[in-house]
Amino acid sequence: MQVHQLRSPEGSHRHKKIVGRGRGTGRGKRSGRGQTGQNSRSGRAVRLAYEGGQMSLLRRLPKVGFNSKWPAKYQIVNCESLNRFEDGTTITPELLKSHHLIRSLLQPIKVLSVGEVKKKLTVQAHRFSKVAADKIAKAGGKHEILGLTPTTQGASA
């Protein structure tokens, strides 16, 4: 096979629709845009949520709840991932970072209860779920809650 023998797959190229070139073409006069009006003009058509001047639905619905501008984004560590450490280890944020279990030392850490803890460990984190703290204690370890770092002051979750 040579370059001049190559063909595109059937249906891979669509021809551009040429409009506005006379009534005989079938796409003349108003070029498939219907009658005259705002939507037949060039440029942007009606805004997506526009309701003809009526108060839009988004503005009619009540505001609910509170969304913080600075939400606390906790880095999640599961109980099962703590089993990679030796018995009796004190697990600090620095140790978690060195084992690539968290991305940053600037964001708070929360330990969740997915999986089982099989070793006696002392775990330091900013938050623990109740079940995770129970699993660590059941395995003979301890959990220590770290104070909030400067970047997490006032954070709650």
C-alpha atoms as a PDB file:
ATOM      1  CA  MET A   1       0.000   0.000   0.000  1.00  0.00           C
ATOM      2  CA  GLN A   2       1.238   3.480  -0.845  1.00  0.00           C
ATOM      3  CA  VAL A   3       0.382   6.931   0.469  1.00  0.00           C
ATOM      4  CA  HIS A   4      -1.906   7.759  -2.449  1.00  0.00           C
ATOM      5  CA  GLN A   5      -3.917   4.584  -1.763  1.00  0.00           C
ATOM      6  CA  LEU A   6      -4.792   5.459   1.878  1.00  0.00           C
ATOM      7  CA  ARG A   7      -8.438   6.226   2.563  1.00  0.00           C
ATOM      8  CA  SER A   8     -10.181   7.586   5.637  1.00  0.00           C
ATOM      9  CA  PRO A   9     -12.698   5.260   7.314  1.00  0.00           C
ATOM     10  CA  GLU A  10     -16.250   5.552   6.053  1.00  0.00           C
ATOM     11  CA  GLY A  11     -18.124   8.334   7.871  1.00  0.00           C
ATOM     12  CA  SER A  12     -15.044   9.899   9.492  1.00  0.00           C
ATOM     13  CA  HIS A  13     -15.370  13.163   7.538  1.00  0.00           C
ATOM     14  CA  ARG A  14     -18.602  15.127   7.488  1.00  0.00           C
ATOM     15  CA  HIS A  15     -19.107  17.789   4.867  1.00  0.00           C
ATOM     16  CA  LYS A  16     -19.708  21.308   6.170  1.00  0.00           C
ATOM     17  CA  LYS A  17     -23.291  22.432   5.639  1.00  0.00           C
ATOM     18  CA  ILE A  18     -23.288  25.486   3.380  1.00  0.00           C
ATOM     19  CA  VAL A  19     -26.272  27.718   4.120  1.00  0.00           C
ATOM     20  CA  GLY A  20     -27.629  31.011   2.879  1.00  0.00           C
ATOM     21  CA  ARG A  21     -26.851  30.488  -0.830  1.00  0.00           C
ATOM     22  CA  GLY A  22     -30.309  30.815  -2.356  1.00  0.00           C
ATOM     23  CA  ARG A  23     -33.673  29.120  -2.089  1.00  0.00           C
ATOM     24  CA  GLY A  24     -32.825  26.426  -4.593  1.00  0.00           C
ATOM     25  CA  THR A  25     -30.303  24.869  -2.241  1.00  0.00           C
ATOM     26  CA  GLY A  26     -32.889  23.987   0.407  1.00  0.00           C
ATOM     27  CA  ARG A  27     -30.949  26.048   2.960  1.00  0.00           C
ATOM     28  CA  GLY A  28     -31.579  29.491   1.561  1.00  0.00           C
ATOM     29  CA  LYS A  29     -33.587  32.504   2.750  1.00  0.00           C
ATOM     30  CA  ARG A  30     -33.333  32.034   6.553  1.00  0.00           C
ATOM     31  CA  SER A  31     -30.622  29.344   6.513  1.00  0.00           C
ATOM     32  CA  GLY A  32     -32.397  26.791   8.729  1.00  0.00           C
ATOM     33  CA  ARG A  33     -32.788  29.222  11.645  1.00  0.00           C
ATOM     34  CA  GLY A  34     -36.566  29.355  11.561  1.00  0.00           C
ATOM     35  CA  GLN A  35     -38.368  32.695  11.448  1.00  0.00           C
ATOM     36  CA  THR A  36     -36.869  36.056  12.341  1.00  0.00           C
ATOM     37  CA  GLY A  37     -36.100  37.014  15.921  1.00  0.00           C
ATOM     38  CA  GLN A  38     -33.339  36.935  18.497  1.00  0.00           C
ATOM     39  CA  ASN A  39     -32.319  33.335  17.828  1.00  0.00           C
ATOM     40  CA  SER A  40     -32.004  33.913  14.075  1.00  0.00           C
ATOM     41  CA  ARG A  41     -29.384  36.620  14.504  1.00  0.00           C
ATOM     42  CA  SER A  42     -25.666  35.987  14.541  1.00  0.00           C
ATOM     43  CA  GLY A  43     -23.768  35.920  17.825  1.00  0.00           C
ATOM     44  CA  ARG A  44     -24.884  34.468  21.119  1.00  0.00           C
ATOM     45  CA  ALA A  45     -28.497  33.417  21.523  1.00  0.00           C
ATOM     46  CA  VAL A  46     -30.635  33.621  24.671  1.00  0.00           C
ATOM     47  CA  ARG A  47     -28.818  32.992  27.971  1.00  0.00           C
ATOM     48  CA  LEU A  48     -29.265  29.447  29.248  1.00  0.00           C
ATOM     49  CA  ALA A  49     -31.409  30.205  32.327  1.00  0.00           C
ATOM     50  CA  TYR A  50     -33.158  33.258  30.850  1.00  0.00           C
ATOM     51  CA  GLU A  51     -36.942  33.176  31.298  1.00  0.00           C
ATOM     52  CA  GLY A  52     -38.045  36.214  29.309  1.00  0.00           C
ATOM     53  CA  GLY A  53     -37.556  38.725  32.111  1.00  0.00           C
ATOM     54  CA  GLN A  54     -39.308  36.593  34.731  1.00  0.00           C
ATOM     55  CA  MET A  55     -37.281  36.056  37.914  1.00  0.00           C
ATOM     56  CA  SER A  56     -35.100  33.053  37.143  1.00  0.00           C
ATOM     57  CA  LEU A  57     -35.562  29.777  38.994  1.00  0.00           C
ATOM     58  CA  LEU A  58     -32.133  30.017  40.597  1.00  0.00           C
ATOM     59  CA  ARG A  59     -33.076  33.338  42.186  1.00  0.00           C
ATOM     60  CA  ARG A  60     -36.554  32.174  43.240  1.00  0.00           C
ATOM     61  CA  LEU A  61     -35.269  29.210  45.245  1.00  0.00           C
ATOM     62  CA  PRO A  62     -34.251  29.900  48.853  1.00  0.00           C
ATOM     63  CA  LYS A  63     -30.638  29.849  49.930  1.00  0.00           C
ATOM     64  CA  VAL A  64     -29.940  26.903  52.223  1.00  0.00           C
ATOM     65  CA  GLY A  65     -27.064  26.095  54.545  1.00  0.00           C
ATOM     66  CA  PHE A  66     -23.618  27.574  54.805  1.00  0.00           C
ATOM     67  CA  ASN A  67     -20.640  27.036  52.552  1.00  0.00           C
ATOM     68  CA  SER A  68     -17.326  28.197  53.896  1.00  0.00           C
ATOM     69  CA  LYS A  69     -14.966  30.048  51.577  1.00  0.00           C
ATOM     70  CA  TRP A  70     -12.114  28.159  53.207  1.00  0.00           C
ATOM     71  CA  PRO A  71     -13.336  24.607  53.931  1.00  0.00           C
ATOM     72  CA  ALA A  72     -11.000  22.229  55.761  1.00  0.00           C
ATOM     73  CA  LYS A  73      -9.792  19.650  53.268  1.00  0.00           C
ATOM     74  CA  TYR A  74      -8.641  16.639  55.243  1.00  0.00           C
ATOM     75  CA  GLN A  75      -6.201  14.127  53.824  1.00  0.00           C
ATOM     76  CA  ILE A  76      -7.655  10.675  54.364  1.00  0.00           C
ATOM     77  CA  VAL A  77      -5.627   7.756  55.737  1.00  0.00           C
ATOM     78  CA  ASN A  78      -7.359   4.385  56.135  1.00  0.00           C
ATOM     79  CA  CYS A  79      -6.656   1.945  58.965  1.00  0.00           C
ATOM     80  CA  GLU A  80      -5.607  -0.810  56.582  1.00  0.00           C
ATOM     81  CA  SER A  81      -2.755   1.316  55.217  1.00  0.00           C
ATOM     82  CA  LEU A  82      -1.241   1.589  58.728  1.00  0.00           C
ATOM     83  CA  ASN A  83      -0.337  -2.119  58.665  1.00  0.00           C
ATOM     84  CA  ARG A  84       2.742  -1.416  56.531  1.00  0.00           C
ATOM     85  CA  PHE A  85       4.563  -0.019  59.593  1.00  0.00           C
ATOM     86  CA  GLU A  86       6.442  -2.119  62.179  1.00  0.00           C
ATOM     87  CA  ASP A  87       4.957  -2.997  65.590  1.00  0.00           C
ATOM     88  CA  GLY A  88       5.400  -0.228  68.164  1.00  0.00           C
ATOM     89  CA  THR A  89       5.992   2.541  65.604  1.00  0.00           C
ATOM     90  CA  THR A  90       4.849   6.091  66.304  1.00  0.00           C
ATOM     91  CA  ILE A  91       3.183   7.229  63.101  1.00  0.00           C
ATOM     92  CA  THR A  92       3.675  10.959  62.531  1.00  0.00           C
ATOM     93  CA  PRO A  93       2.591  13.118  59.597  1.00  0.00           C
ATOM     94  CA  GLU A  94       6.213  13.180  58.391  1.00  0.00           C
ATOM     95  CA  LEU A  95       6.308   9.367  58.351  1.00  0.00           C
ATOM     96  CA  LEU A  96       3.006   9.234  56.449  1.00  0.00           C
ATOM     97  CA  LYS A  97       4.382  11.705  53.895  1.00  0.00           C
ATOM     98  CA  SER A  98       7.592   9.714  53.442  1.00  0.00           C
ATOM     99  CA  HIS A  99       5.494   6.603  52.677  1.00  0.00           C
ATOM    100  CA  HIS A 100       3.311   8.602  50.225  1.00  0.00           C
ATOM    101  CA  LEU A 101       0.115   8.102  52.227  1.00  0.00           C
ATOM    102  CA  ILE A 102      -0.496  11.876  52.306  1.00  0.00           C
ATOM    103  CA  ARG A 103       0.474  14.640  49.904  1.00  0.00           C
ATOM    104  CA  SER A 104       1.151  17.615  52.132  1.00  0.00           C
ATOM    105  CA  LEU A 105       2.183  18.405  55.706  1.00  0.00           C
ATOM    106  CA  LEU A 106       0.225  21.669  55.517  1.00  0.00           C
ATOM    107  CA  GLN A 107      -3.222  20.065  55.334  1.00  0.00           C
ATOM    108  CA  PRO A 108      -4.827  18.237  58.285  1.00  0.00           C
ATOM    109  CA  ILE A 109      -5.013  14.445  58.394  1.00  0.00           C
ATOM    110  CA  LYS A 110      -7.999  12.288  59.273  1.00  0.00           C
ATOM    111  CA  VAL A 111      -7.805   8.555  59.976  1.00  0.00           C
ATOM    112  CA  LEU A 112     -10.835   6.563  58.808  1.00  0.00           C
ATOM    113  CA  SER A 113     -11.890   3.052  59.737  1.00  0.00           C
ATOM    114  CA  VAL A 114     -11.568   1.229  56.391  1.00  0.00           C
ATOM    115  CA  GLY A 115      -9.837  -2.113  57.019  1.00  0.00           C
ATOM    116  CA  GLU A 116      -8.347  -3.599  60.183  1.00  0.00           C
ATOM    117  CA  VAL A 117      -5.344  -2.577  62.284  1.00  0.00           C
ATOM    118  CA  LYS A 118      -3.202  -5.657  62.996  1.00  0.00           C
ATOM    119  CA  LYS A 119      -0.258  -4.014  64.787  1.00  0.00           C
ATOM    120  CA  LYS A 120       0.287  -2.088  68.001  1.00  0.00           C
ATOM    121  CA  LEU A 121       0.827   1.484  66.791  1.00  0.00           C
ATOM    122  CA  THR A 122       0.765   5.026  68.140  1.00  0.00           C
ATOM    123  CA  VAL A 123      -0.938   7.142  65.497  1.00  0.00           C
ATOM    124  CA  GLN A 124      -0.783  10.953  65.424  1.00  0.00           C
ATOM    125  CA  ALA A 125      -3.358  12.814  63.319  1.00  0.00           C
ATOM    126  CA  HIS A 126      -5.628  15.836  63.477  1.00  0.00           C
ATOM    127  CA  ARG A 127      -8.854  13.805  63.455  1.00  0.00           C
ATOM    128  CA  PHE A 128      -9.979  10.204  63.961  1.00  0.00           C
ATOM    129  CA  SER A 129     -13.325   8.631  63.258  1.00  0.00           C
ATOM    130  CA  LYS A 130     -14.762   6.931  66.346  1.00  0.00           C
ATOM    131  CA  VAL A 131     -14.525   3.478  64.793  1.00  0.00           C
ATOM    132  CA  ALA A 132     -10.922   4.087  63.663  1.00  0.00           C
ATOM    133  CA  ALA A 133      -9.890   5.141  67.185  1.00  0.00           C
ATOM    134  CA  ASP A 134     -11.583   2.003  68.571  1.00  0.00           C
ATOM    135  CA  LYS A 135      -9.784  -0.244  66.065  1.00  0.00           C
ATOM    136  CA  ILE A 136      -6.394   1.253  66.960  1.00  0.00           C
ATOM    137  CA  ALA A 137      -7.098   0.805  70.682  1.00  0.00           C
ATOM    138  CA  LYS A 138      -8.384  -2.746  70.131  1.00  0.00           C
ATOM    139  CA  ALA A 139      -5.088  -3.650  68.427  1.00  0.00           C
ATOM    140  CA  GLY A 140      -3.245  -2.395  71.521  1.00  0.00           C
ATOM    141  CA  GLY A 141      -2.177   0.979  70.135  1.00  0.00           C
ATOM    142  CA  LYS A 142      -2.962   4.608  70.942  1.00  0.00           C
ATOM    143  CA  HIS A 143      -4.258   7.556  68.971  1.00  0.00           C
ATOM    144  CA  GLU A 144      -2.985  11.084  69.603  1.00  0.00           C
ATOM    145  CA  ILE A 145      -4.830  14.140  68.337  1.00  0.00           C
ATOM    146  CA  LEU A 146      -2.519  16.828  66.978  1.00  0.00           C
ATOM    147  CA  GLY A 147      -3.256  20.517  67.458  1.00  0.00           C
ATOM    148  CA  LEU A 148      -4.365  22.519  64.491  1.00  0.00           C
ATOM    149  CA  THR A 149      -1.569  23.835  62.297  1.00  0.00           C
ATOM    150  CA  PRO A 150      -1.521  27.528  61.253  1.00  0.00           C
ATOM    151  CA  THR A 151      -3.119  26.706  57.892  1.00  0.00           C
ATOM    152  CA  THR A 152      -6.012  24.833  59.514  1.00  0.00           C
ATOM    153  CA  GLN A 153      -6.971  27.345  62.212  1.00  0.00           C
ATOM    154  CA  GLY A 154     -10.733  27.649  62.382  1.00  0.00           C
ATOM    155  CA  ALA A 155     -11.208  24.647  60.133  1.00  0.00           C
ATOM    156  CA  SER A 156     -13.980  22.221  60.910  1.00  0.00           C
ATOM    157  CA  ALA A 157     -15.384  19.181  59.202  1.00  0.00           C
END
